[in-house]
Amino acid sequence: MKKTLIIGATTNPARYAYMAAQMLTSKGHTIVNVGIKKGTVSGVEIEEQGEIHNDIDTITLYIGPHLQSGYYDYILQTNPKRVVFNPGTENRELESLLEQHGIEPLRACTLVLLSTGQY
C-alpha cells in the first residue's frame, strides 16, 4: 500500500480530492490530508502544510498551478517517490524541480489509476 498525501484535501463530497481520499482509503491506502479548511475526510483530519511526513510514497495534487509555488519546499522536504498531477494541476516548473530532486512527476488522474489497478 502506498501512503499518500493529498494536497488540496476538502470535506466537500463533490470535489475530486474528497473522492480520491475515499477511494484511497477504501483500497487500503493510508492518507494524509493537507488543505486550508478544517475538517475530516475518510476519518483523517485535514492539516495545514507544516509537519513534514517522511514516509510518503505519493503526493497527489488537487490545487492549481497558481497555488503550488507555496508548496514547493514542503513537497521537496516530504521527498515522495512521485507526485501525481491530476487534470488541471499540470505545472512544468514544479515537474522540472521534482525531476532535479529524483522525484517522479506523473500526469495522471488518481481516481483512474486506482480504478484500473495502476496506482
PDB file of N, CA and C in Angstrom:
ATOM      1  N   MET A   1       0.827  -1.179   0.000  1.00  0.00           N
ATOM      2  CA  MET A   1       0.000   0.000   0.000  1.00  0.00           C
ATOM      3  C   MET A   1       0.880   1.255   0.000  1.00  0.00           C
ATOM      4  N   LYS A   2       0.412   2.264  -0.657  1.00  0.00           N
ATOM      5  CA  LYS A   2       1.186   3.492  -0.830  1.00  0.00           C
ATOM      6  C   LYS A   2       0.605   4.609   0.039  1.00  0.00           C
ATOM      7  N   LYS A   3       1.370   5.046   1.041  1.00  0.00           N
ATOM      8  CA  LYS A   3       0.916   6.168   1.866  1.00  0.00           C
ATOM      9  C   LYS A   3       0.898   7.409   0.994  1.00  0.00           C
ATOM     10  N   THR A   4      -0.255   8.076   0.971  1.00  0.00           N
ATOM     11  CA  THR A   4      -0.485   9.165   0.032  1.00  0.00           C
ATOM     12  C   THR A   4      -0.853  10.449   0.760  1.00  0.00           C
ATOM     13  N   LEU A   5      -0.203  11.535   0.378  1.00  0.00           N
ATOM     14  CA  LEU A   5      -0.508  12.854   0.899  1.00  0.00           C
ATOM     15  C   LEU A   5      -1.338  13.589  -0.142  1.00  0.00           C
ATOM     16  N   ILE A   6      -2.502  14.033   0.259  1.00  0.00           N
ATOM     17  CA  ILE A   6      -3.415  14.735  -0.639  1.00  0.00           C
ATOM     18  C   ILE A   6      -3.286  16.231  -0.379  1.00  0.00           C
ATOM     19  N   ILE A   7      -2.780  16.977  -1.350  1.00  0.00           N
ATOM     20  CA  ILE A   7      -2.699  18.429  -1.223  1.00  0.00           C
ATOM     21  C   ILE A   7      -3.925  19.021  -1.910  1.00  0.00           C
ATOM     22  N   GLY A   8      -4.718  19.728  -1.111  1.00  0.00           N
ATOM     23  CA  GLY A   8      -5.982  20.262  -1.602  1.00  0.00           C
ATOM     24  C   GLY A   8      -7.158  19.482  -1.049  1.00  0.00           C
ATOM     25  N   ALA A   9      -6.921  18.768   0.064  1.00  0.00           N
ATOM     26  CA  ALA A   9      -7.976  17.975   0.691  1.00  0.00           C
ATOM     27  C   ALA A   9      -9.152  18.873   1.075  1.00  0.00           C
ATOM     28  N   THR A  10     -10.343  18.313   0.979  1.00  0.00           N
ATOM     29  CA  THR A  10     -11.564  19.071   1.251  1.00  0.00           C
ATOM     30  C   THR A  10     -12.639  18.154   1.822  1.00  0.00           C
ATOM     31  N   THR A  11     -13.553  18.747   2.566  1.00  0.00           N
ATOM     32  CA  THR A  11     -14.689  17.990   3.091  1.00  0.00           C
ATOM     33  C   THR A  11     -15.876  18.019   2.131  1.00  0.00           C
ATOM     34  N   ASN A  12     -15.718  18.662   0.989  1.00  0.00           N
ATOM     35  CA  ASN A  12     -16.800  18.773   0.003  1.00  0.00           C
ATOM     36  C   ASN A  12     -16.868  17.490  -0.836  1.00  0.00           C
ATOM     37  N   PRO A  13     -17.918  16.684  -0.666  1.00  0.00           N
ATOM     38  CA  PRO A  13     -18.006  15.408  -1.389  1.00  0.00           C
ATOM     39  C   PRO A  13     -18.112  15.533  -2.900  1.00  0.00           C
ATOM     40  N   ALA A  14     -18.369  16.730  -3.415  1.00  0.00           N
ATOM     41  CA  ALA A  14     -18.454  16.929  -4.863  1.00  0.00           C
ATOM     42  C   ALA A  14     -17.073  17.135  -5.490  1.00  0.00           C
ATOM     43  N   ARG A  15     -16.037  17.284  -4.672  1.00  0.00           N
ATOM     44  CA  ARG A  15     -14.690  17.574  -5.185  1.00  0.00           C
ATOM     45  C   ARG A  15     -13.902  16.274  -5.385  1.00  0.00           C
ATOM     46  N   TYR A  16     -13.045  16.297  -6.406  1.00  0.00           N
ATOM     47  CA  TYR A  16     -12.250  15.102  -6.716  1.00  0.00           C
ATOM     48  C   TYR A  16     -11.276  14.739  -5.607  1.00  0.00           C
ATOM     49  N   ALA A  17     -10.761  15.715  -4.872  1.00  0.00           N
ATOM     50  CA  ALA A  17      -9.857  15.421  -3.759  1.00  0.00           C
ATOM     51  C   ALA A  17     -10.572  14.584  -2.696  1.00  0.00           C
ATOM     52  N   TYR A  18     -11.822  14.898  -2.448  1.00  0.00           N
ATOM     53  CA  TYR A  18     -12.630  14.138  -1.492  1.00  0.00           C
ATOM     54  C   TYR A  18     -12.823  12.706  -2.000  1.00  0.00           C
ATOM     55  N   MET A  19     -13.184  12.602  -3.281  1.00  0.00           N
ATOM     56  CA  MET A  19     -13.390  11.271  -3.879  1.00  0.00           C
ATOM     57  C   MET A  19     -12.112  10.442  -3.833  1.00  0.00           C
ATOM     58  N   ALA A  20     -10.984  11.093  -4.064  1.00  0.00           N
ATOM     59  CA  ALA A  20      -9.697  10.382  -4.025  1.00  0.00           C
ATOM     60  C   ALA A  20      -9.420   9.868  -2.623  1.00  0.00           C
ATOM     61  N   ALA A  21      -9.666  10.691  -1.617  1.00  0.00           N
ATOM     62  CA  ALA A  21      -9.457  10.261  -0.230  1.00  0.00           C
ATOM     63  C   ALA A  21     -10.309   9.040   0.086  1.00  0.00           C
ATOM     64  N   GLN A  22     -11.557   9.086  -0.339  1.00  0.00           N
ATOM     65  CA  GLN A  22     -12.471   7.965  -0.113  1.00  0.00           C
ATOM     66  C   GLN A  22     -11.973   6.692  -0.806  1.00  0.00           C
ATOM     67  N   MET A  23     -11.596   6.826  -2.074  1.00  0.00           N
ATOM     68  CA  MET A  23     -11.164   5.660  -2.837  1.00  0.00           C
ATOM     69  C   MET A  23      -9.838   5.106  -2.328  1.00  0.00           C
ATOM     70  N   LEU A  24      -8.903   6.001  -1.993  1.00  0.00           N
ATOM     71  CA  LEU A  24      -7.611   5.552  -1.465  1.00  0.00           C
ATOM     72  C   LEU A  24      -7.808   4.724  -0.197  1.00  0.00           C
ATOM     73  N   THR A  25      -8.584   5.242   0.738  1.00  0.00           N
ATOM     74  CA  THR A  25      -8.777   4.513   1.997  1.00  0.00           C
ATOM     75  C   THR A  25      -9.579   3.232   1.785  1.00  0.00           C
ATOM     76  N   SER A  26     -10.540   3.256   0.865  1.00  0.00           N
ATOM     77  CA  SER A  26     -11.328   2.041   0.614  1.00  0.00           C
ATOM     78  C   SER A  26     -10.470   0.929   0.015  1.00  0.00           C
ATOM     79  N   LYS A  27      -9.384   1.314  -0.632  1.00  0.00           N
ATOM     80  CA  LYS A  27      -8.479   0.320  -1.219  1.00  0.00           C
ATOM     81  C   LYS A  27      -7.298   0.006  -0.298  1.00  0.00           C
ATOM     82  N   GLY A  28      -7.353   0.518   0.940  1.00  0.00           N
ATOM     83  CA  GLY A  28      -6.356   0.155   1.942  1.00  0.00           C
ATOM     84  C   GLY A  28      -5.141   1.062   2.049  1.00  0.00           C
ATOM     85  N   HIS A  29      -5.133   2.157   1.305  1.00  0.00           N
ATOM     86  CA  HIS A  29      -4.002   3.091   1.380  1.00  0.00           C
ATOM     87  C   HIS A  29      -4.190   4.034   2.570  1.00  0.00           C
ATOM     88  N   THR A  30      -3.101   4.356   3.238  1.00  0.00           N
ATOM     89  CA  THR A  30      -3.112   5.342   4.318  1.00  0.00           C
ATOM     90  C   THR A  30      -2.991   6.715   3.683  1.00  0.00           C
ATOM     91  N   ILE A  31      -3.748   7.693   4.201  1.00  0.00           N
ATOM     92  CA  ILE A  31      -3.690   9.035   3.627  1.00  0.00           C
ATOM     93  C   ILE A  31      -3.313  10.072   4.678  1.00  0.00           C
ATOM     94  N   VAL A  32      -2.767  11.173   4.187  1.00  0.00           N
ATOM     95  CA  VAL A  32      -2.557  12.390   4.960  1.00  0.00           C
ATOM     96  C   VAL A  32      -3.273  13.480   4.179  1.00  0.00           C
ATOM     97  N   ASN A  33      -4.178  14.186   4.835  1.00  0.00           N
ATOM     98  CA  ASN A  33      -4.930  15.257   4.185  1.00  0.00           C
ATOM     99  C   ASN A  33      -4.305  16.606   4.517  1.00  0.00           C
ATOM    100  N   VAL A  34      -3.966  17.367   3.491  1.00  0.00           N
ATOM    101  CA  VAL A  34      -3.439  18.718   3.683  1.00  0.00           C
ATOM    102  C   VAL A  34      -4.338  19.672   2.910  1.00  0.00           C
ATOM    103  N   GLY A  35      -4.817  20.687   3.612  1.00  0.00           N
ATOM    104  CA  GLY A  35      -5.706  21.661   2.984  1.00  0.00           C
ATOM    105  C   GLY A  35      -5.775  22.924   3.813  1.00  0.00           C
ATOM    106  N   ILE A  36      -6.627  23.840   3.363  1.00  0.00           N
ATOM    107  CA  ILE A  36      -6.717  25.125   4.056  1.00  0.00           C
ATOM    108  C   ILE A  36      -7.926  25.209   4.985  1.00  0.00           C
ATOM    109  N   LYS A  37      -8.895  24.321   4.831  1.00  0.00           N
ATOM    110  CA  LYS A  37     -10.072  24.332   5.688  1.00  0.00           C
ATOM    111  C   LYS A  37     -10.044  23.143   6.633  1.00  0.00           C
ATOM    112  N   LYS A  38     -10.497  23.355   7.827  1.00  0.00           N
ATOM    113  CA  LYS A  38     -10.525  22.288   8.832  1.00  0.00           C
ATOM    114  C   LYS A  38     -11.627  21.288   8.514  1.00  0.00           C
ATOM    115  N   GLY A  39     -11.437  20.083   9.011  1.00  0.00           N
ATOM    116  CA  GLY A  39     -12.436  19.046   8.829  1.00  0.00           C
ATOM    117  C   GLY A  39     -11.782  17.683   8.787  1.00  0.00           C
ATOM    118  N   THR A  40     -12.596  16.684   8.543  1.00  0.00           N
ATOM    119  CA  THR A  40     -12.135  15.299   8.481  1.00  0.00           C
ATOM    120  C   THR A  40     -12.629  14.675   7.188  1.00  0.00           C
ATOM    121  N   VAL A  41     -11.745  13.944   6.531  1.00  0.00           N
ATOM    122  CA  VAL A  41     -12.107  13.228   5.314  1.00  0.00           C
ATOM    123  C   VAL A  41     -11.616  11.788   5.465  1.00  0.00           C
ATOM    124  N   SER A  42     -12.492  10.848   5.258  1.00  0.00           N
ATOM    125  CA  SER A  42     -12.170   9.425   5.387  1.00  0.00           C
ATOM    126  C   SER A  42     -11.545   9.108   6.747  1.00  0.00           C
ATOM    127  N   GLY A  43     -12.038   9.785   7.783  1.00  0.00           N
ATOM    128  CA  GLY A  43     -11.548   9.532   9.137  1.00  0.00           C
ATOM    129  C   GLY A  43     -10.215  10.177   9.457  1.00  0.00           C
ATOM    130  N   VAL A  44      -9.699  11.014   8.571  1.00  0.00           N
ATOM    131  CA  VAL A  44      -8.389  11.649   8.762  1.00  0.00           C
ATOM    132  C   VAL A  44      -8.570  13.169   8.765  1.00  0.00           C
ATOM    133  N   GLU A  45      -8.074  13.813   9.825  1.00  0.00           N
ATOM    134  CA  GLU A  45      -8.163  15.272   9.924  1.00  0.00           C
ATOM    135  C   GLU A  45      -7.411  15.941   8.775  1.00  0.00           C
ATOM    136  N   ILE A  46      -7.927  17.068   8.325  1.00  0.00           N
ATOM    137  CA  ILE A  46      -7.212  17.888   7.344  1.00  0.00           C
ATOM    138  C   ILE A  46      -6.256  18.775   8.128  1.00  0.00           C
ATOM    139  N   GLU A  47      -4.996  18.727   7.783  1.00  0.00           N
ATOM    140  CA  GLU A  47      -3.991  19.552   8.450  1.00  0.00           C
ATOM    141  C   GLU A  47      -3.465  20.592   7.478  1.00  0.00           C
ATOM    142  N   GLU A  48      -2.906  21.663   8.030  1.00  0.00           N
ATOM    143  CA  GLU A  48      -2.246  22.658   7.196  1.00  0.00           C
ATOM    144  C   GLU A  48      -0.858  22.151   6.856  1.00  0.00           C
ATOM    145  N   GLN A  49      -0.291  22.658   5.758  1.00  0.00           N
ATOM    146  CA  GLN A  49       1.069  22.258   5.438  1.00  0.00           C
ATOM    147  C   GLN A  49       1.964  22.726   6.576  1.00  0.00           C
ATOM    148  N   GLY A  50       2.932  21.932   6.900  1.00  0.00           N
ATOM    149  CA  GLY A  50       3.813  22.269   8.001  1.00  0.00           C
ATOM    150  C   GLY A  50       4.576  21.038   8.447  1.00  0.00           C
ATOM    151  N   GLU A  51       3.855  20.110   9.066  1.00  0.00           N
ATOM    152  CA  GLU A  51       4.522  18.888   9.511  1.00  0.00           C
ATOM    153  C   GLU A  51       5.029  18.119   8.298  1.00  0.00           C
ATOM    154  N   ILE A  52       6.306  17.767   8.324  1.00  0.00           N
ATOM    155  CA  ILE A  52       6.895  17.009   7.218  1.00  0.00           C
ATOM    156  C   ILE A  52       6.707  15.522   7.507  1.00  0.00           C
ATOM    157  N   HIS A  53       6.075  14.847   6.590  1.00  0.00           N
ATOM    158  CA  HIS A  53       5.879  13.400   6.691  1.00  0.00           C
ATOM    159  C   HIS A  53       6.962  12.742   5.834  1.00  0.00           C
ATOM    160  N   ASN A  54       7.814  11.955   6.466  1.00  0.00           N
ATOM    161  CA  ASN A  54       8.951  11.364   5.766  1.00  0.00           C
ATOM    162  C   ASN A  54       8.664   9.983   5.189  1.00  0.00           C
ATOM    163  N   ASP A  55       7.445   9.508   5.331  1.00  0.00           N
ATOM    164  CA  ASP A  55       7.115   8.152   4.883  1.00  0.00           C
ATOM    165  C   ASP A  55       6.076   8.144   3.772  1.00  0.00           C
ATOM    166  N   ILE A  56       6.046   9.206   2.974  1.00  0.00           N
ATOM    167  CA  ILE A  56       5.057   9.347   1.914  1.00  0.00           C
ATOM    168  C   ILE A  56       5.580   8.739   0.613  1.00  0.00           C
ATOM    169  N   ASP A  57       4.786   7.877   0.018  1.00  0.00           N
ATOM    170  CA  ASP A  57       5.125   7.308  -1.283  1.00  0.00           C
ATOM    171  C   ASP A  57       4.700   8.262  -2.395  1.00  0.00           C
ATOM    172  N   THR A  58       3.462   8.768  -2.294  1.00  0.00           N
ATOM    173  CA  THR A  58       2.871   9.564  -3.367  1.00  0.00           C
ATOM    174  C   THR A  58       2.216  10.822  -2.809  1.00  0.00           C
ATOM    175  N   ILE A  59       2.437  11.938  -3.484  1.00  0.00           N
ATOM    176  CA  ILE A  59       1.655  13.146  -3.240  1.00  0.00           C
ATOM    177  C   ILE A  59       0.738  13.296  -4.438  1.00  0.00           C
ATOM    178  N   THR A  60      -0.533  13.531  -4.192  1.00  0.00           N
ATOM    179  CA  THR A  60      -1.477  13.768  -5.270  1.00  0.00           C
ATOM    180  C   THR A  60      -2.003  15.193  -5.137  1.00  0.00           C
ATOM    181  N   LEU A  61      -1.892  15.953  -6.212  1.00  0.00           N
ATOM    182  CA  LEU A  61      -2.213  17.377  -6.205  1.00  0.00           C
ATOM    183  C   LEU A  61      -3.636  17.663  -6.669  1.00  0.00           C
ATOM    184  N   TYR A  62      -4.328  18.464  -5.867  1.00  0.00           N
ATOM    185  CA  TYR A  62      -5.661  18.943  -6.222  1.00  0.00           C
ATOM    186  C   TYR A  62      -5.745  20.460  -6.055  1.00  0.00           C
ATOM    187  N   ILE A  63      -4.624  21.146  -6.275  1.00  0.00           N
ATOM    188  CA  ILE A  63      -4.613  22.616  -6.277  1.00  0.00           C
ATOM    189  C   ILE A  63      -3.991  23.068  -7.593  1.00  0.00           C
ATOM    190  N   GLY A  64      -4.464  24.188  -8.085  1.00  0.00           N
ATOM    191  CA  GLY A  64      -3.988  24.700  -9.364  1.00  0.00           C
ATOM    192  C   GLY A  64      -2.553  25.183  -9.307  1.00  0.00           C
ATOM    193  N   PRO A  65      -1.921  25.302 -10.473  1.00  0.00           N
ATOM    194  CA  PRO A  65      -0.526  25.737 -10.552  1.00  0.00           C
ATOM    195  C   PRO A  65      -0.265  27.077  -9.863  1.00  0.00           C
ATOM    196  N   HIS A  66      -1.235  27.983  -9.885  1.00  0.00           N
ATOM    197  CA  HIS A  66      -1.042  29.300  -9.279  1.00  0.00           C
ATOM    198  C   HIS A  66      -0.887  29.224  -7.756  1.00  0.00           C
ATOM    199  N   LEU A  67      -1.308  28.140  -7.132  1.00  0.00           N
ATOM    200  CA  LEU A  67      -1.159  27.963  -5.686  1.00  0.00           C
ATOM    201  C   LEU A  67       0.012  27.050  -5.313  1.00  0.00           C
ATOM    202  N   GLN A  68       0.522  26.313  -6.276  1.00  0.00           N
ATOM    203  CA  GLN A  68       1.514  25.283  -5.980  1.00  0.00           C
ATOM    204  C   GLN A  68       2.854  25.823  -5.501  1.00  0.00           C
ATOM    205  N   SER A  69       3.250  27.012  -5.963  1.00  0.00           N
ATOM    206  CA  SER A  69       4.582  27.515  -5.585  1.00  0.00           C
ATOM    207  C   SER A  69       4.719  27.633  -4.067  1.00  0.00           C
ATOM    208  N   GLY A  70       3.630  27.873  -3.364  1.00  0.00           N
ATOM    209  CA  GLY A  70       3.664  27.932  -1.908  1.00  0.00           C
ATOM    210  C   GLY A  70       3.894  26.581  -1.250  1.00  0.00           C
ATOM    211  N   TYR A  71       3.877  25.525  -2.046  1.00  0.00           N
ATOM    212  CA  TYR A  71       4.070  24.169  -1.539  1.00  0.00           C
ATOM    213  C   TYR A  71       5.382  23.532  -2.009  1.00  0.00           C
ATOM    214  N   TYR A  72       6.143  24.215  -2.853  1.00  0.00           N
ATOM    215  CA  TYR A  72       7.354  23.611  -3.418  1.00  0.00           C
ATOM    216  C   TYR A  72       8.281  23.060  -2.337  1.00  0.00           C
ATOM    217  N   ASP A  73       8.654  23.892  -1.366  1.00  0.00           N
ATOM    218  CA  ASP A  73       9.583  23.445  -0.318  1.00  0.00           C
ATOM    219  C   ASP A  73       8.990  22.290   0.478  1.00  0.00           C
ATOM    220  N   TYR A  74       7.719  22.384   0.793  1.00  0.00           N
ATOM    221  CA  TYR A  74       7.033  21.339   1.550  1.00  0.00           C
ATOM    222  C   TYR A  74       7.088  20.002   0.802  1.00  0.00           C
ATOM    223  N   ILE A  75       6.793  20.050  -0.494  1.00  0.00           N
ATOM    224  CA  ILE A  75       6.819  18.833  -1.306  1.00  0.00           C
ATOM    225  C   ILE A  75       8.232  18.250  -1.356  1.00  0.00           C
ATOM    226  N   LEU A  76       9.220  19.084  -1.595  1.00  0.00           N
ATOM    227  CA  LEU A  76      10.599  18.600  -1.682  1.00  0.00           C
ATOM    228  C   LEU A  76      11.080  18.039  -0.344  1.00  0.00           C
ATOM    229  N   GLN A  77      10.722  18.676   0.757  1.00  0.00           N
ATOM    230  CA  GLN A  77      11.116  18.179   2.073  1.00  0.00           C
ATOM    231  C   GLN A  77      10.429  16.863   2.402  1.00  0.00           C
ATOM    232  N   THR A  78       9.208  16.699   1.922  1.00  0.00           N
ATOM    233  CA  THR A  78       8.487  15.443   2.128  1.00  0.00           C
ATOM    234  C   THR A  78       9.179  14.311   1.367  1.00  0.00           C
ATOM    235  N   ASN A  79       9.762  14.644   0.217  1.00  0.00           N
ATOM    236  CA  ASN A  79      10.549  13.709  -0.586  1.00  0.00           C
ATOM    237  C   ASN A  79       9.793  12.416  -0.934  1.00  0.00           C
ATOM    238  N   PRO A  80       8.644  12.553  -1.604  1.00  0.00           N
ATOM    239  CA  PRO A  80       7.908  11.357  -2.017  1.00  0.00           C
ATOM    240  C   PRO A  80       8.609  10.678  -3.192  1.00  0.00           C
ATOM    241  N   LYS A  81       8.159   9.486  -3.529  1.00  0.00           N
ATOM    242  CA  LYS A  81       8.692   8.813  -4.718  1.00  0.00           C
ATOM    243  C   LYS A  81       8.123   9.457  -5.981  1.00  0.00           C
ATOM    244  N   ARG A  82       6.862   9.919  -5.885  1.00  0.00           N
ATOM    245  CA  ARG A  82       6.223  10.518  -7.058  1.00  0.00           C
ATOM    246  C   ARG A  82       5.197  11.559  -6.631  1.00  0.00           C
ATOM    247  N   VAL A  83       4.875  12.427  -7.589  1.00  0.00           N
ATOM    248  CA  VAL A  83       3.816  13.417  -7.409  1.00  0.00           C
ATOM    249  C   VAL A  83       2.861  13.272  -8.589  1.00  0.00           C
ATOM    250  N   VAL A  84       1.591  13.035  -8.287  1.00  0.00           N
ATOM    251  CA  VAL A  84       0.570  12.902  -9.322  1.00  0.00           C
ATOM    252  C   VAL A  84      -0.036  14.279  -9.585  1.00  0.00           C
ATOM    253  N   PHE A  85       0.068  14.705 -10.839  1.00  0.00           N
ATOM    254  CA  PHE A  85      -0.553  15.948 -11.298  1.00  0.00           C
ATOM    255  C   PHE A  85      -1.897  15.574 -11.913  1.00  0.00           C
ATOM    256  N   ASN A  86      -2.958  15.721 -11.123  1.00  0.00           N
ATOM    257  CA  ASN A  86      -4.295  15.424 -11.621  1.00  0.00           C
ATOM    258  C   ASN A  86      -4.678  16.451 -12.680  1.00  0.00           C
ATOM    259  N   PRO A  87      -5.648  16.144 -13.535  1.00  0.00           N
ATOM    260  CA  PRO A  87      -6.038  17.087 -14.589  1.00  0.00           C
ATOM    261  C   PRO A  87      -6.300  18.488 -14.031  1.00  0.00           C
ATOM    262  N   GLY A  88      -5.681  19.470 -14.667  1.00  0.00           N
ATOM    263  CA  GLY A  88      -5.813  20.858 -14.252  1.00  0.00           C
ATOM    264  C   GLY A  88      -4.729  21.334 -13.303  1.00  0.00           C
ATOM    265  N   THR A  89      -3.869  20.415 -12.853  1.00  0.00           N
ATOM    266  CA  THR A  89      -2.801  20.794 -11.918  1.00  0.00           C
ATOM    267  C   THR A  89      -1.420  20.759 -12.570  1.00  0.00           C
ATOM    268  N   GLU A  90      -1.366  20.480 -13.857  1.00  0.00           N
ATOM    269  CA  GLU A  90      -0.087  20.359 -14.555  1.00  0.00           C
ATOM    270  C   GLU A  90       0.725  21.641 -14.376  1.00  0.00           C
ATOM    271  N   ASN A  91       2.048  21.468 -14.144  1.00  0.00           N
ATOM    272  CA  ASN A  91       2.916  22.603 -13.849  1.00  0.00           C
ATOM    273  C   ASN A  91       4.346  22.235 -14.234  1.00  0.00           C
ATOM    274  N   ARG A  92       4.794  22.688 -15.393  1.00  0.00           N
ATOM    275  CA  ARG A  92       6.129  22.334 -15.895  1.00  0.00           C
ATOM    276  C   ARG A  92       7.241  22.738 -14.934  1.00  0.00           C
ATOM    277  N   GLU A  93       7.093  23.902 -14.307  1.00  0.00           N
ATOM    278  CA  GLU A  93       8.126  24.367 -13.369  1.00  0.00           C
ATOM    279  C   GLU A  93       8.292  23.377 -12.205  1.00  0.00           C
ATOM    280  N   LEU A  94       7.192  22.970 -11.600  1.00  0.00           N
ATOM    281  CA  LEU A  94       7.262  22.014 -10.495  1.00  0.00           C
ATOM    282  C   LEU A  94       7.726  20.647 -10.982  1.00  0.00           C
ATOM    283  N   GLU A  95       7.258  20.226 -12.134  1.00  0.00           N
ATOM    284  CA  GLU A  95       7.686  18.936 -12.674  1.00  0.00           C
ATOM    285  C   GLU A  95       9.200  18.903 -12.859  1.00  0.00           C
ATOM    286  N   SER A  96       9.760  19.975 -13.393  1.00  0.00           N
ATOM    287  CA  SER A  96      11.206  20.069 -13.587  1.00  0.00           C
ATOM    288  C   SER A  96      11.945  20.038 -12.250  1.00  0.00           C
ATOM    289  N   LEU A  97      11.433  20.766 -11.278  1.00  0.00           N
ATOM    290  CA  LEU A  97      12.027  20.801  -9.941  1.00  0.00           C
ATOM    291  C   LEU A  97      12.019  19.410  -9.316  1.00  0.00           C
ATOM    292  N   LEU A  98      10.935  18.709  -9.465  1.00  0.00           N
ATOM    293  CA  LEU A  98      10.843  17.344  -8.934  1.00  0.00           C
ATOM    294  C   LEU A  98      11.889  16.440  -9.573  1.00  0.00           C
ATOM    295  N   GLU A  99      11.978  16.503 -10.898  1.00  0.00           N
ATOM    296  CA  GLU A  99      12.955  15.670 -11.609  1.00  0.00           C
ATOM    297  C   GLU A  99      14.377  15.952 -11.141  1.00  0.00           C
ATOM    298  N   GLN A 100      14.692  17.225 -10.886  1.00  0.00           N
ATOM    299  CA  GLN A 100      16.023  17.595 -10.394  1.00  0.00           C
ATOM    300  C   GLN A 100      16.315  16.959  -9.035  1.00  0.00           C
ATOM    301  N   HIS A 101      15.271  16.633  -8.291  1.00  0.00           N
ATOM    302  CA  HIS A 101      15.432  16.037  -6.962  1.00  0.00           C
ATOM    303  C   HIS A 101      15.127  14.532  -6.957  1.00  0.00           C
ATOM    304  N   GLY A 102      15.043  13.937  -8.127  1.00  0.00           N
ATOM    305  CA  GLY A 102      14.843  12.490  -8.223  1.00  0.00           C
ATOM    306  C   GLY A 102      13.445  12.025  -7.866  1.00  0.00           C
ATOM    307  N   ILE A 103      12.461  12.922  -7.970  1.00  0.00           N
ATOM    308  CA  ILE A 103      11.065  12.590  -7.680  1.00  0.00           C
ATOM    309  C   ILE A 103      10.317  12.519  -9.012  1.00  0.00           C
ATOM    310  N   GLU A 104       9.567  11.443  -9.203  1.00  0.00           N
ATOM    311  CA  GLU A 104       8.844  11.258 -10.466  1.00  0.00           C
ATOM    312  C   GLU A 104       7.597  12.126 -10.543  1.00  0.00           C
ATOM    313  N   PRO A 105       7.507  13.013 -11.544  1.00  0.00           N
ATOM    314  CA  PRO A 105       6.246  13.707 -11.780  1.00  0.00           C
ATOM    315  C   PRO A 105       5.379  12.830 -12.694  1.00  0.00           C
ATOM    316  N   LEU A 106       4.113  12.699 -12.368  1.00  0.00           N
ATOM    317  CA  LEU A 106       3.237  11.835 -13.148  1.00  0.00           C
ATOM    318  C   LEU A 106       1.950  12.584 -13.467  1.00  0.00           C
ATOM    319  N   ARG A 107       1.733  12.858 -14.751  1.00  0.00           N
ATOM    320  CA  ARG A 107       0.472  13.482 -15.182  1.00  0.00           C
ATOM    321  C   ARG A 107      -0.546  12.373 -15.357  1.00  0.00           C
ATOM    322  N   ALA A 108      -1.474  12.323 -14.427  1.00  0.00           N
ATOM    323  CA  ALA A 108      -2.464  11.245 -14.439  1.00  0.00           C
ATOM    324  C   ALA A 108      -3.620  11.652 -13.537  1.00  0.00           C
ATOM    325  N   CYS A 109      -4.607  10.798 -13.457  1.00  0.00           N
ATOM    326  CA  CYS A 109      -5.740  11.003 -12.574  1.00  0.00           C
ATOM    327  C   CYS A 109      -5.707   9.921 -11.502  1.00  0.00           C
ATOM    328  N   THR A 110      -5.594  10.329 -10.260  1.00  0.00           N
ATOM    329  CA  THR A 110      -5.533   9.372  -9.163  1.00  0.00           C
ATOM    330  C   THR A 110      -6.733   8.431  -9.181  1.00  0.00           C
ATOM    331  N   LEU A 111      -7.915   8.964  -9.447  1.00  0.00           N
ATOM    332  CA  LEU A 111      -9.123   8.129  -9.467  1.00  0.00           C
ATOM    333  C   LEU A 111      -9.053   7.064 -10.555  1.00  0.00           C
ATOM    334  N   VAL A 112      -8.549   7.426 -11.720  1.00  0.00           N
ATOM    335  CA  VAL A 112      -8.411   6.467 -12.814  1.00  0.00           C
ATOM    336  C   VAL A 112      -7.345   5.423 -12.473  1.00  0.00           C
ATOM    337  N   LEU A 113      -6.213   5.883 -11.948  1.00  0.00           N
ATOM    338  CA  LEU A 113      -5.152   4.949 -11.559  1.00  0.00           C
ATOM    339  C   LEU A 113      -5.674   3.908 -10.568  1.00  0.00           C
ATOM    340  N   LEU A 114      -6.429   4.371  -9.584  1.00  0.00           N
ATOM    341  CA  LEU A 114      -6.977   3.453  -8.586  1.00  0.00           C
ATOM    342  C   LEU A 114      -8.013   2.530  -9.200  1.00  0.00           C
ATOM    343  N   SER A 115      -8.869   3.065 -10.069  1.00  0.00           N
ATOM    344  CA  SER A 115      -9.942   2.272 -10.676  1.00  0.00           C
ATOM    345  C   SER A 115      -9.420   1.181 -11.594  1.00  0.00           C
ATOM    346  N   THR A 116      -8.268   1.439 -12.216  1.00  0.00           N
ATOM    347  CA  THR A 116      -7.726   0.481 -13.187  1.00  0.00           C
ATOM    348  C   THR A 116      -6.605  -0.384 -12.605  1.00  0.00           C
ATOM    349  N   GLY A 117      -6.345  -0.260 -11.300  1.00  0.00           N
ATOM    350  CA  GLY A 117      -5.310  -1.074 -10.656  1.00  0.00           C
ATOM    351  C   GLY A 117      -3.899  -0.656 -11.003  1.00  0.00           C
ATOM    352  N   GLN A 118      -3.710   0.577 -11.471  1.00  0.00           N
ATOM    353  CA  GLN A 118      -2.380   1.057 -11.855  1.00  0.00           C
ATOM    354  C   GLN A 118      -1.732   1.936 -10.791  1.00  0.00           C
ATOM    355  N   TYR A 119      -2.405   2.105  -9.667  1.00  0.00           N
ATOM    356  CA  TYR A 119      -1.898   3.027  -8.659  1.00  0.00           C
ATOM    357  C   TYR A 119      -0.645   2.454  -8.001  1.00  0.00           C
TER     358      TYR A 119
END
